[in-house]
Amino acid sequence: MARLLILPLLVACTTQANRKAKSAQQPTKVSVAQDVVQPSEPQRPVVAPIQLEPIGLRVAEDGKADAFEPWTLLSEGNKLFGKQEFNAARGKYQKLVATFPTSLYVSKAHFNIGLSYEREGNMVLAGNAYLDAYRKGQSGVDGRDALLRRAAVLAEADLFADAEEALKQLEGRQDLGRHHELEVLARRGYVELSQDKLDAAERSLSAALDIYRRMTSMEEPYFIAMAHYYYANVPHQRALAHPMTPETLGESIKRKVALADQAYVRYQKALVFLSSYWATASAYQMSQLYHDIWRQANEAPVMEGMEREAVERFRQQTRQSTRYLLEKALHGHRENVHLADAFGVTTPWSEGSKKRVQEIAPLLITPAP
């Protein structure tokens, strides 16, 4: 069984996180609302260089006319987007699409429509707009980026089969560099995992890790940390799903702990990339898994026909033999809180660890025999 290794590793991550925070002019406070966050890399609407395009005419009531072109509509929409006037921005983008259906800017307008819906939290409409963007620019980077965003927002809307289909459409594209290949596989592993396709997810995530090992540089560690996290989540889910019967309780616990130890080692590898979200997520899960196994063991059904006193002895022995699982979980959750403090962030995972500390600590008040 793997021993308690989270302390030295989290201490090392905490030290690096402190250095990173001190080197910045201002620590960034991060607050993420959901357990699984699909990153919104395109923070701003797409801006395109001016190209020779058809023009349109606006005719006022006084008969005066002025010319306008696709790029102007895109630019006007982007200014409104920057002011978070998303509905007005969509009006400009939609006018571009309707007035200049053959323009080279149409795919970018559809993409920005998707971004505006995404900012408003409407992931289904965002996914539809990204599909339109893909159809208009499928052979270029516009099409590639539209499919990536479509997969991300559909997964966030729990439309995992649709997200998986979007990711499959990216297979074999020549404009995928290794960074994009890694992103595709990390996302695919997540949506497969979310559909209980554990074996397929493990293959996709393992392939993502193989790509990372062949990379010579990486500016943003988000997706490799994400891949490590979900790669660990595979044995995590297997551990929780492993059956536990009263006749084979001892062997069942051993099997669950073995799978938990495998997940633990994999979660550790996500910690080192100093991605605050995935680091605190991994530290939370690698701790909480042992708490969950402890709870399963102590809530397991007893054999039929056992006398009341025999049941109580059975429960007491189980609590004693699994106490170390609670100790490991408590220690890990406390360290996760320290890790988040070192990053200068607040995530659902660090807040979750605070709550778990309050839950677990009273369970350990009774001293071990």
Protein backbone atom coordinates (compact mmCIF):
# COMPACT_ATOMS: atom_id res chain seq x y z
CA MET A 1 0.00 0.00 0.00
CA ALA A 2 1.31 3.47 -0.84
CA ARG A 3 2.34 5.44 2.22
CA LEU A 4 1.30 9.00 3.01
CA LEU A 5 3.31 10.99 0.47
CA ILE A 6 1.11 14.03 0.10
CA LEU A 7 2.94 16.17 2.69
CA PRO A 8 6.39 16.49 1.03
CA LEU A 9 4.85 16.87 -2.41
CA LEU A 10 2.39 19.53 -1.30
CA VAL A 11 5.11 21.33 0.63
CA ALA A 12 7.20 21.47 -2.56
CA CYS A 13 4.19 22.71 -4.57
CA THR A 14 3.37 25.23 -1.85
CA THR A 15 6.93 26.60 -1.91
CA GLN A 16 6.84 26.99 -5.70
CA ALA A 17 3.38 28.56 -5.54
CA ASN A 18 4.63 31.09 -2.98
CA ARG A 19 7.53 32.02 -5.23
CA LYS A 20 5.19 32.39 -8.18
CA ALA A 21 2.85 34.64 -6.20
CA LYS A 22 5.69 36.84 -4.95
CA SER A 23 7.07 37.33 -8.45
CA ALA A 24 3.72 38.68 -9.69
CA GLN A 25 2.73 42.31 -9.24
CA GLN A 26 -0.64 41.27 -7.86
CA PRO A 27 -1.88 37.86 -6.80
CA THR A 28 -4.90 36.80 -8.84
CA LYS A 29 -7.95 35.73 -6.88
CA VAL A 30 -9.56 32.80 -8.65
CA SER A 31 -13.06 31.61 -7.88
CA VAL A 32 -14.51 28.79 -9.97
CA ALA A 33 -18.15 27.86 -9.67
CA GLN A 34 -18.25 24.28 -10.94
CA ASP A 35 -16.48 21.05 -10.18
CA VAL A 36 -15.36 20.65 -13.77
CA VAL A 37 -14.46 23.84 -15.51
CA GLN A 38 -14.02 23.96 -19.24
CA PRO A 39 -11.47 26.73 -19.81
CA SER A 40 -12.63 29.71 -21.84
CA GLU A 41 -9.37 30.41 -23.65
CA PRO A 42 -10.82 32.92 -26.15
CA GLN A 43 -11.25 35.73 -23.62
CA ARG A 44 -12.06 38.27 -26.33
CA PRO A 45 -14.00 38.13 -29.58
CA VAL A 46 -12.10 37.23 -32.69
CA VAL A 47 -10.48 40.16 -34.46
CA ALA A 48 -9.54 39.73 -38.12
CA PRO A 49 -7.34 41.79 -40.45
CA ILE A 50 -9.09 44.00 -42.95
CA GLN A 51 -9.60 42.27 -46.30
CA LEU A 52 -11.11 43.36 -49.61
CA GLU A 53 -14.80 42.57 -49.33
CA PRO A 54 -18.15 43.69 -50.77
CA ILE A 55 -19.73 46.73 -49.12
CA GLY A 56 -23.30 47.58 -48.17
CA LEU A 57 -25.22 50.85 -48.13
CA ARG A 58 -27.32 52.40 -45.37
CA VAL A 59 -29.95 54.80 -46.67
CA ALA A 60 -31.40 57.24 -44.17
CA GLU A 61 -34.86 58.86 -44.34
CA ASP A 62 -33.33 62.01 -45.80
CA GLY A 63 -31.98 59.98 -48.69
CA LYS A 64 -28.34 60.14 -47.62
CA ALA A 65 -26.43 56.89 -47.89
CA ASP A 66 -23.27 55.66 -46.25
CA ALA A 67 -21.27 52.56 -46.99
CA PHE A 68 -20.49 49.78 -44.55
CA GLU A 69 -18.54 46.56 -44.91
CA PRO A 70 -18.21 43.23 -43.04
CA TRP A 71 -15.11 44.25 -41.13
CA THR A 72 -16.86 47.36 -39.77
CA LEU A 73 -19.76 45.27 -38.46
CA LEU A 74 -17.34 42.82 -36.85
CA SER A 75 -15.42 45.67 -35.25
CA GLU A 76 -18.58 47.36 -33.98
CA GLY A 77 -19.77 44.06 -32.54
CA ASN A 78 -16.45 43.54 -30.80
CA LYS A 79 -16.62 46.97 -29.17
CA LEU A 80 -20.07 46.16 -27.79
CA PHE A 81 -18.78 42.75 -26.67
CA GLY A 82 -16.01 44.49 -24.75
CA LYS A 83 -18.65 46.51 -22.92
CA GLN A 84 -20.47 43.24 -22.13
CA GLU A 85 -23.43 44.35 -24.23
CA PHE A 86 -23.72 40.85 -25.63
CA ASN A 87 -27.19 41.09 -27.17
CA ALA A 88 -26.26 44.26 -29.06
CA ALA A 89 -22.99 42.69 -30.14
CA ARG A 90 -24.87 39.69 -31.51
CA GLY A 91 -27.02 42.06 -33.52
CA LYS A 92 -23.92 43.33 -35.33
CA TYR A 93 -22.55 39.85 -35.93
CA GLN A 94 -25.92 38.56 -37.16
CA LYS A 95 -26.27 41.51 -39.51
CA LEU A 96 -22.86 40.67 -40.95
CA VAL A 97 -23.95 37.06 -41.53
CA ALA A 98 -27.27 38.06 -43.10
CA THR A 99 -25.92 40.89 -45.27
CA PHE A 100 -22.65 39.32 -46.41
CA PRO A 101 -23.22 35.52 -46.38
CA THR A 102 -20.15 34.86 -48.55
CA SER A 103 -17.79 37.08 -46.55
CA LEU A 104 -14.61 35.65 -45.13
CA TYR A 105 -15.67 37.19 -41.82
CA VAL A 106 -18.83 35.09 -41.47
CA SER A 107 -17.12 32.25 -39.59
CA LYS A 108 -15.60 34.77 -37.19
CA ALA A 109 -18.99 36.39 -36.64
CA HIS A 110 -20.54 33.00 -35.82
CA PHE A 111 -17.64 32.26 -33.47
CA ASN A 112 -18.15 35.55 -31.62
CA ILE A 113 -21.88 34.85 -31.37
CA GLY A 114 -20.91 31.61 -29.66
CA LEU A 115 -18.61 33.48 -27.30
CA SER A 116 -21.36 35.93 -26.39
CA TYR A 117 -23.75 33.10 -25.52
CA GLU A 118 -20.97 31.40 -23.57
CA ARG A 119 -20.40 34.54 -21.52
CA GLU A 120 -24.12 34.61 -20.73
CA GLY A 121 -24.02 30.97 -19.62
CA ASN A 122 -26.15 29.61 -22.46
CA MET A 123 -23.93 26.70 -23.49
CA VAL A 124 -26.43 25.06 -25.85
CA LEU A 125 -26.86 28.18 -28.00
CA ALA A 126 -23.12 28.74 -27.82
CA GLY A 127 -22.56 25.20 -29.11
CA ASN A 128 -24.97 25.83 -32.00
CA ALA A 129 -23.15 29.03 -32.95
CA TYR A 130 -19.77 27.27 -32.85
CA LEU A 131 -21.21 24.61 -35.16
CA ASP A 132 -22.20 27.36 -37.61
CA ALA A 133 -18.67 28.78 -37.34
CA TYR A 134 -17.21 25.36 -38.07
CA ARG A 135 -19.39 24.87 -41.13
CA LYS A 136 -18.26 28.21 -42.56
CA GLY A 137 -14.57 27.74 -41.85
CA GLN A 138 -14.11 24.04 -41.33
CA SER A 139 -10.89 23.66 -43.32
CA GLY A 140 -9.02 26.43 -41.47
CA VAL A 141 -8.11 27.42 -37.96
CA ASP A 142 -11.55 29.03 -37.54
CA GLY A 143 -13.13 25.60 -37.99
CA ARG A 144 -10.63 23.95 -35.67
CA ASP A 145 -11.11 26.48 -32.89
CA ALA A 146 -14.90 26.38 -33.31
CA LEU A 147 -14.96 22.61 -32.81
CA LEU A 148 -12.78 22.88 -29.70
CA ARG A 149 -15.09 25.46 -28.18
CA ARG A 150 -18.17 23.48 -29.22
CA ALA A 151 -16.83 20.40 -27.46
CA ALA A 152 -16.04 22.45 -24.35
CA VAL A 153 -19.43 24.10 -23.98
CA LEU A 154 -21.42 20.95 -24.80
CA ALA A 155 -19.48 19.08 -22.12
CA GLU A 156 -20.23 21.88 -19.68
CA ALA A 157 -23.91 21.47 -20.58
CA ASP A 158 -23.59 17.71 -19.84
CA LEU A 159 -24.19 16.89 -23.52
CA PHE A 160 -21.30 14.47 -23.47
CA ALA A 161 -22.17 12.40 -26.53
CA ASP A 162 -22.43 15.55 -28.66
CA ALA A 163 -19.17 16.84 -27.22
CA GLU A 164 -17.50 13.52 -28.04
CA GLU A 165 -18.75 13.75 -31.63
CA ALA A 166 -17.27 17.25 -32.00
CA LEU A 167 -13.92 15.97 -30.74
CA LYS A 168 -14.01 13.05 -33.17
CA GLN A 169 -14.38 15.54 -36.02
CA LEU A 170 -10.99 16.96 -35.04
CA GLU A 171 -9.20 13.64 -35.54
CA GLY A 172 -6.66 13.61 -38.34
CA ARG A 173 -6.68 17.36 -38.97
CA GLN A 174 -3.39 18.66 -40.30
CA ASP A 175 -3.64 21.95 -38.40
CA LEU A 176 -3.48 20.29 -34.98
CA GLY A 177 -0.16 20.87 -33.29
CA ARG A 178 0.79 18.82 -30.29
CA HIS A 179 -0.74 21.33 -27.90
CA HIS A 180 -4.11 21.03 -29.64
CA GLU A 181 -3.78 17.25 -29.87
CA LEU A 182 -3.20 17.14 -26.13
CA GLU A 183 -6.26 19.36 -25.54
CA VAL A 184 -8.45 17.17 -27.76
CA LEU A 185 -7.40 13.98 -25.97
CA ALA A 186 -7.76 15.52 -22.51
CA ARG A 187 -11.26 16.72 -23.33
CA ARG A 188 -12.14 13.41 -24.96
CA GLY A 189 -10.99 11.47 -21.91
CA TYR A 190 -13.19 13.66 -19.75
CA VAL A 191 -16.35 13.21 -21.86
CA GLU A 192 -15.72 9.45 -22.10
CA LEU A 193 -15.27 9.26 -18.35
CA SER A 194 -18.51 11.19 -17.90
CA GLN A 195 -20.29 8.50 -19.93
CA ASP A 196 -18.78 5.71 -17.80
CA LYS A 197 -16.51 4.61 -20.65
CA LEU A 198 -13.62 4.04 -18.26
CA ASP A 199 -11.43 1.91 -20.54
CA ALA A 200 -11.83 4.31 -23.49
CA ALA A 201 -11.14 7.28 -21.22
CA GLU A 202 -7.99 5.66 -19.87
CA ARG A 203 -6.72 5.10 -23.43
CA SER A 204 -7.44 8.69 -24.49
CA LEU A 205 -5.82 10.18 -21.40
CA SER A 206 -2.80 7.88 -21.65
CA ALA A 207 -2.37 9.05 -25.25
CA ALA A 208 -2.50 12.66 -24.04
CA LEU A 209 0.29 11.93 -21.55
CA ASP A 210 2.35 10.30 -24.32
CA ILE A 211 2.02 13.45 -26.42
CA TYR A 212 3.17 15.56 -23.50
CA ARG A 213 6.27 13.42 -23.04
CA ARG A 214 7.22 14.15 -26.67
CA MET A 215 6.75 17.91 -26.32
CA THR A 216 9.83 20.09 -25.93
CA SER A 217 8.03 23.07 -24.41
CA MET A 218 4.65 24.09 -23.04
CA GLU A 219 3.51 27.61 -22.26
CA GLU A 220 0.25 26.67 -20.53
CA PRO A 221 0.07 23.53 -18.33
CA TYR A 222 -3.73 23.55 -18.03
CA PHE A 223 -4.52 20.62 -20.30
CA ILE A 224 -1.69 18.33 -19.23
CA ALA A 225 -2.75 18.89 -15.61
CA MET A 226 -6.33 18.19 -16.67
CA ALA A 227 -5.23 14.97 -18.41
CA HIS A 228 -3.36 13.78 -15.30
CA TYR A 229 -6.38 14.60 -13.14
CA TYR A 230 -8.84 12.56 -15.18
CA TYR A 231 -6.30 9.80 -15.72
CA ALA A 232 -6.29 9.47 -11.93
CA ASN A 233 -10.07 9.64 -11.85
CA VAL A 234 -10.31 6.33 -13.74
CA PRO A 235 -9.00 4.10 -10.89
CA HIS A 236 -10.76 6.48 -8.48
CA GLN A 237 -14.12 5.56 -9.99
CA ARG A 238 -13.18 1.90 -10.15
CA ALA A 239 -12.31 1.96 -6.45
CA LEU A 240 -15.67 3.40 -5.46
CA ALA A 241 -17.56 1.05 -7.79
CA HIS A 242 -15.84 -2.13 -6.59
CA PRO A 243 -18.48 -4.25 -4.82
CA MET A 244 -18.37 -4.72 -1.08
CA THR A 245 -20.13 -7.69 0.49
CA PRO A 246 -20.18 -8.75 4.16
CA GLU A 247 -18.71 -12.16 3.33
CA THR A 248 -15.64 -10.65 1.63
CA LEU A 249 -15.41 -7.28 3.39
CA GLY A 250 -11.70 -7.54 4.21
CA GLU A 251 -10.70 -8.47 0.65
CA SER A 252 -13.04 -5.83 -0.76
CA ILE A 253 -11.42 -3.11 1.33
CA LYS A 254 -7.95 -4.25 0.24
CA ARG A 255 -8.97 -4.10 -3.42
CA LYS A 256 -10.53 -0.66 -3.03
CA VAL A 257 -7.45 0.68 -1.26
CA ALA A 258 -5.17 -0.76 -3.95
CA LEU A 259 -7.16 1.10 -6.61
CA ALA A 260 -7.17 4.22 -4.42
CA ASP A 261 -3.37 4.02 -4.11
CA GLN A 262 -3.12 3.83 -7.91
CA ALA A 263 -5.33 6.91 -8.23
CA TYR A 264 -3.30 8.65 -5.50
CA VAL A 265 -0.04 8.27 -7.42
CA ARG A 266 -1.68 9.58 -10.60
CA TYR A 267 -3.19 12.58 -8.79
CA GLN A 268 0.25 13.44 -7.44
CA LYS A 269 1.50 13.98 -10.98
CA ALA A 270 -1.14 16.66 -11.59
CA LEU A 271 0.12 18.65 -8.60
CA VAL A 272 3.50 19.52 -10.05
CA PHE A 273 2.22 21.67 -12.93
CA LEU A 274 1.24 24.53 -10.60
CA SER A 275 -2.19 24.91 -12.17
CA SER A 276 -4.05 26.13 -9.11
CA TYR A 277 -7.38 24.69 -10.16
CA TRP A 278 -6.18 21.20 -11.07
CA ALA A 279 -3.66 21.07 -8.21
CA THR A 280 -6.32 21.76 -5.58
CA ALA A 281 -8.76 19.45 -7.39
CA SER A 282 -6.22 16.62 -7.33
CA ALA A 283 -5.27 17.19 -3.70
CA TYR A 284 -8.95 17.15 -2.76
CA GLN A 285 -9.73 13.94 -4.63
CA MET A 286 -6.63 12.04 -3.50
CA SER A 287 -7.67 12.80 0.09
CA GLN A 288 -11.44 12.40 -0.17
CA LEU A 289 -11.18 9.01 -1.89
CA TYR A 290 -9.89 7.44 1.34
CA HIS A 291 -12.69 9.08 3.31
CA ASP A 292 -15.24 7.65 0.88
CA ILE A 293 -13.78 4.15 1.16
CA TRP A 294 -13.83 4.45 4.96
CA ARG A 295 -17.51 5.39 4.80
CA GLN A 296 -18.32 2.52 2.42
CA ALA A 297 -16.57 0.04 4.69
CA ASN A 298 -18.31 1.27 7.82
CA GLU A 299 -21.72 1.40 6.18
CA ALA A 300 -21.39 -2.01 4.52
CA PRO A 301 -24.24 -4.44 5.21
CA VAL A 302 -23.64 -7.20 7.77
CA MET A 303 -24.33 -10.87 7.27
CA GLU A 304 -27.91 -11.94 7.81
CA GLY A 305 -28.71 -13.51 11.15
CA MET A 306 -25.92 -11.80 13.14
CA GLU A 307 -26.75 -11.12 16.76
CA ARG A 308 -26.85 -7.51 17.91
CA GLU A 309 -23.67 -7.83 19.98
CA ALA A 310 -21.86 -9.51 17.10
CA VAL A 311 -22.88 -6.67 14.80
CA GLU A 312 -21.51 -4.10 17.25
CA ARG A 313 -18.17 -5.98 17.54
CA PHE A 314 -18.03 -6.21 13.74
CA ARG A 315 -18.63 -2.45 13.40
CA GLN A 316 -16.03 -1.63 16.05
CA GLN A 317 -13.40 -3.83 14.42
CA THR A 318 -14.11 -2.26 11.03
CA ARG A 319 -13.76 1.26 12.48
CA GLN A 320 -10.46 0.34 14.08
CA SER A 321 -9.02 -1.37 11.01
CA THR A 322 -9.96 1.51 8.70
CA ARG A 323 -9.03 4.41 10.99
CA TYR A 324 -5.84 5.02 8.99
CA LEU A 325 -8.00 5.90 5.97
CA LEU A 326 -9.57 8.78 7.92
CA GLU A 327 -6.16 9.95 9.15
CA LYS A 328 -4.85 10.02 5.60
CA ALA A 329 -7.91 11.89 4.33
CA LEU A 330 -7.76 14.49 7.11
CA HIS A 331 -4.07 15.15 6.58
CA GLY A 332 -4.50 15.57 2.84
CA HIS A 333 -7.44 17.97 3.14
CA ARG A 334 -5.53 20.16 5.59
CA GLU A 335 -2.58 20.31 3.21
CA ASN A 336 -4.89 21.24 0.34
CA VAL A 337 -6.12 24.26 2.27
CA HIS A 338 -2.48 25.32 2.75
CA LEU A 339 -1.80 24.76 -0.95
CA ALA A 340 -4.64 27.06 -2.00
CA ASP A 341 -3.39 29.71 0.44
CA ALA A 342 0.07 29.46 -1.12
CA PHE A 343 -1.41 29.97 -4.59
CA GLY A 344 -3.43 32.92 -3.29
CA VAL A 345 -6.61 31.44 -4.72
CA THR A 346 -9.97 30.10 -3.65
CA THR A 347 -11.35 27.12 -5.56
CA PRO A 348 -14.32 24.84 -4.91
CA TRP A 349 -11.78 22.14 -4.05
CA SER A 350 -9.97 24.14 -1.35
CA GLU A 351 -13.31 25.21 0.10
CA GLY A 352 -14.45 21.60 -0.07
CA SER A 353 -11.35 20.52 1.84
CA LYS A 354 -12.16 23.01 4.60
CA LYS A 355 -15.58 21.41 5.00
CA ARG A 356 -14.16 17.88 4.93
CA VAL A 357 -11.69 18.77 7.71
CA GLN A 358 -14.63 19.81 9.88
CA GLU A 359 -16.44 16.55 9.07
CA ILE A 360 -13.52 14.16 9.52
CA ALA A 361 -11.77 15.60 12.58
CA PRO A 362 -14.58 14.70 15.05
CA LEU A 363 -14.56 11.12 13.78
CA LEU A 364 -10.96 10.76 14.99
CA ILE A 365 -11.51 12.13 18.48
CA THR A 366 -11.83 8.60 19.87
CA PRO A 367 -8.20 7.44 20.21
CA ALA A 368 -7.08 4.40 18.29
CA PRO A 369 -6.67 1.26 20.47
